[in-house]
Amino acid sequence: MAEVPKLAEDPTTAAQVAPSSYKGHYANSSLQPIPNYVSRPRLHQKVKEQLHDLKNNGVEDVRILVVWGLGGAGKSQLVLIYIREYRRDYTAVFWIEAGSKESIERDYIQIYRLLYSRQIDVGYEMVKVEDAVPAVKR
């Protein structure tokens, strides 16, 4: 039997945020909902309570939700279903694949580029992971 995914929340108010004109969604495009996902209403409700129900009207804040558990327990599907249901209620949705250090670094740099329009190409300023991570978290 697979371990039930666990949830952790770390809401923080952003002292400095990306340009307010940023509107969009970012997600790892390789993740797709699967038709035989076993719904977890209790966990879905917990995600909703931590992210959606605690939103302060008119107050911009950052909400971070960490879902962890054994592989194959339905963590990604749980979050994908939540995002699909409540996407319109958020200015942006960012997905960080935490399977390896390299994937975490890659996703933070991609998010940084989306938020701050930085080019990471030959001939342009190279953004270091050490700079991208705190900037994205603001």
Protein backbone atom coordinates (compact mmCIF):
# COMPACT_ATOMS: atom_id res chain seq x y z
CA MET A 1 0.00 0.00 0.00
CA ALA A 2 1.40 3.41 -0.99
CA GLU A 3 2.09 6.02 1.66
CA VAL A 4 -0.42 8.87 1.73
CA PRO A 5 1.17 12.13 0.55
CA LYS A 6 1.92 14.59 3.34
CA LEU A 7 1.39 18.33 3.10
CA ALA A 8 3.43 21.19 4.48
CA GLU A 9 2.65 24.85 4.07
CA ASP A 10 4.91 27.88 4.31
CA PRO A 11 2.96 31.07 3.58
CA THR A 12 5.16 34.16 3.41
CA THR A 13 4.37 37.72 2.52
CA ALA A 14 6.52 38.88 -0.33
CA ALA A 15 8.63 41.88 0.65
CA GLN A 16 9.76 42.32 -2.93
CA VAL A 17 7.87 40.73 -5.76
CA ALA A 18 8.28 40.25 -9.46
CA PRO A 19 6.78 42.88 -11.72
CA SER A 20 3.05 43.19 -11.03
CA SER A 21 2.38 43.02 -14.74
CA TYR A 22 3.36 39.35 -14.74
CA LYS A 23 0.37 37.18 -15.49
CA GLY A 24 0.72 33.60 -16.49
CA HIS A 25 1.09 30.03 -15.48
CA TYR A 26 4.14 27.86 -15.42
CA ALA A 27 3.98 24.13 -15.11
CA ASN A 28 6.08 21.22 -16.18
CA SER A 29 4.38 20.40 -19.47
CA SER A 30 5.27 16.72 -19.24
CA LEU A 31 2.80 16.29 -16.36
CA GLN A 32 -0.69 15.31 -17.46
CA PRO A 33 -3.70 14.15 -15.44
CA ILE A 34 -4.22 10.41 -15.64
CA PRO A 35 -7.68 8.90 -16.11
CA ASN A 36 -7.35 6.19 -13.44
CA TYR A 37 -6.30 8.49 -10.58
CA VAL A 38 -7.91 7.49 -7.29
CA SER A 39 -9.45 10.65 -5.87
CA ARG A 40 -8.37 11.71 -2.37
CA PRO A 41 -11.14 14.08 -1.22
CA ARG A 42 -9.67 14.59 2.27
CA LEU A 43 -6.24 15.55 0.91
CA HIS A 44 -7.80 17.69 -1.81
CA GLN A 45 -9.74 19.54 0.90
CA LYS A 46 -6.53 20.07 2.92
CA VAL A 47 -4.78 21.55 -0.12
CA LYS A 48 -7.78 23.82 -0.71
CA GLU A 49 -7.86 24.92 2.94
CA GLN A 50 -4.13 25.73 3.01
CA LEU A 51 -3.93 27.51 -0.33
CA HIS A 52 -7.33 28.76 -1.34
CA ASP A 53 -9.40 29.26 1.79
CA LEU A 54 -6.64 31.20 3.57
CA LYS A 55 -6.21 33.71 0.75
CA ASN A 56 -6.55 37.28 2.01
CA ASN A 57 -8.73 39.36 -0.27
CA GLY A 58 -6.71 42.15 -1.80
CA VAL A 59 -3.44 41.13 -0.10
CA GLU A 60 -0.67 39.82 -2.34
CA ASP A 61 1.17 37.00 -0.66
CA VAL A 62 3.12 33.94 -1.63
CA ARG A 63 1.84 30.51 -0.68
CA ILE A 64 4.10 27.53 -0.92
CA LEU A 65 2.77 24.01 -0.63
CA VAL A 66 5.07 21.01 -0.38
CA VAL A 67 3.55 17.60 -1.03
CA TRP A 68 5.75 14.60 -0.33
CA GLY A 69 5.42 10.86 -0.09
CA LEU A 70 6.42 7.63 -1.77
CA GLY A 71 6.62 7.46 -5.55
CA GLY A 72 3.32 6.52 -7.12
CA ALA A 73 1.20 7.69 -4.19
CA GLY A 74 -0.60 10.31 -6.30
CA LYS A 75 1.18 13.50 -5.20
CA SER A 76 1.46 15.04 -8.67
CA GLN A 77 -2.09 14.10 -9.61
CA LEU A 78 -3.46 15.60 -6.38
CA VAL A 79 -1.82 18.93 -7.17
CA LEU A 80 -2.65 18.85 -10.89
CA ILE A 81 -6.33 18.37 -10.07
CA TYR A 82 -6.25 21.24 -7.57
CA ILE A 83 -4.51 23.52 -10.09
CA ARG A 84 -7.03 22.63 -12.80
CA GLU A 85 -9.93 23.40 -10.46
CA TYR A 86 -8.64 26.70 -8.99
CA ARG A 87 -6.25 28.06 -11.65
CA ARG A 88 -8.36 31.15 -12.32
CA ASP A 89 -7.99 32.23 -8.70
CA TYR A 90 -4.23 32.71 -9.00
CA THR A 91 -2.05 35.11 -10.94
CA ALA A 92 0.58 32.43 -11.45
CA VAL A 93 1.20 28.79 -10.68
CA PHE A 94 4.78 27.54 -10.57
CA TRP A 95 5.77 23.89 -10.49
CA ILE A 96 9.21 22.82 -9.27
CA GLU A 97 10.19 19.24 -9.93
CA ALA A 98 12.16 18.13 -6.88
CA GLY A 99 13.34 14.75 -8.18
CA SER A 100 16.95 15.89 -8.34
CA LYS A 101 19.12 18.88 -7.52
CA GLU A 102 19.50 19.58 -11.23
CA SER A 103 15.74 19.64 -11.86
CA ILE A 104 15.20 22.01 -8.91
CA GLU A 105 17.91 24.35 -10.18
CA ARG A 106 16.57 24.17 -13.76
CA ASP A 107 13.03 25.02 -12.66
CA TYR A 108 14.11 27.94 -10.44
CA ILE A 109 16.09 29.44 -13.32
CA GLN A 110 13.14 28.96 -15.71
CA ILE A 111 10.79 30.65 -13.25
CA TYR A 112 13.32 33.46 -12.72
CA ARG A 113 13.47 34.01 -16.48
CA LEU A 114 9.67 34.15 -16.67
CA LEU A 115 9.36 36.61 -13.79
CA TYR A 116 12.29 38.88 -14.53
CA SER A 117 12.65 38.45 -18.31
CA ARG A 118 16.31 37.49 -18.03
CA GLN A 119 17.96 35.80 -20.98
CA ILE A 120 20.35 32.98 -20.24
CA ASP A 121 22.12 32.56 -23.55
CA VAL A 122 25.63 32.92 -24.87
CA GLY A 123 26.51 36.58 -24.82
CA TYR A 124 23.98 37.48 -22.13
CA GLU A 125 24.34 37.72 -18.38
CA MET A 126 24.41 34.26 -16.82
CA VAL A 127 22.06 33.92 -13.87
CA LYS A 128 23.40 31.87 -11.00
CA VAL A 129 21.13 29.51 -9.12
CA GLU A 130 22.24 31.25 -5.92
CA ASP A 131 20.70 34.47 -7.26
CA ALA A 132 17.63 32.95 -8.93
CA VAL A 133 16.30 31.03 -5.89
CA PRO A 134 15.97 33.98 -3.48
CA ALA A 135 14.61 36.21 -6.26
CA VAL A 136 11.89 33.69 -7.11
CA LYS A 137 11.00 33.23 -3.44
CA ARG A 138 10.40 36.97 -3.00
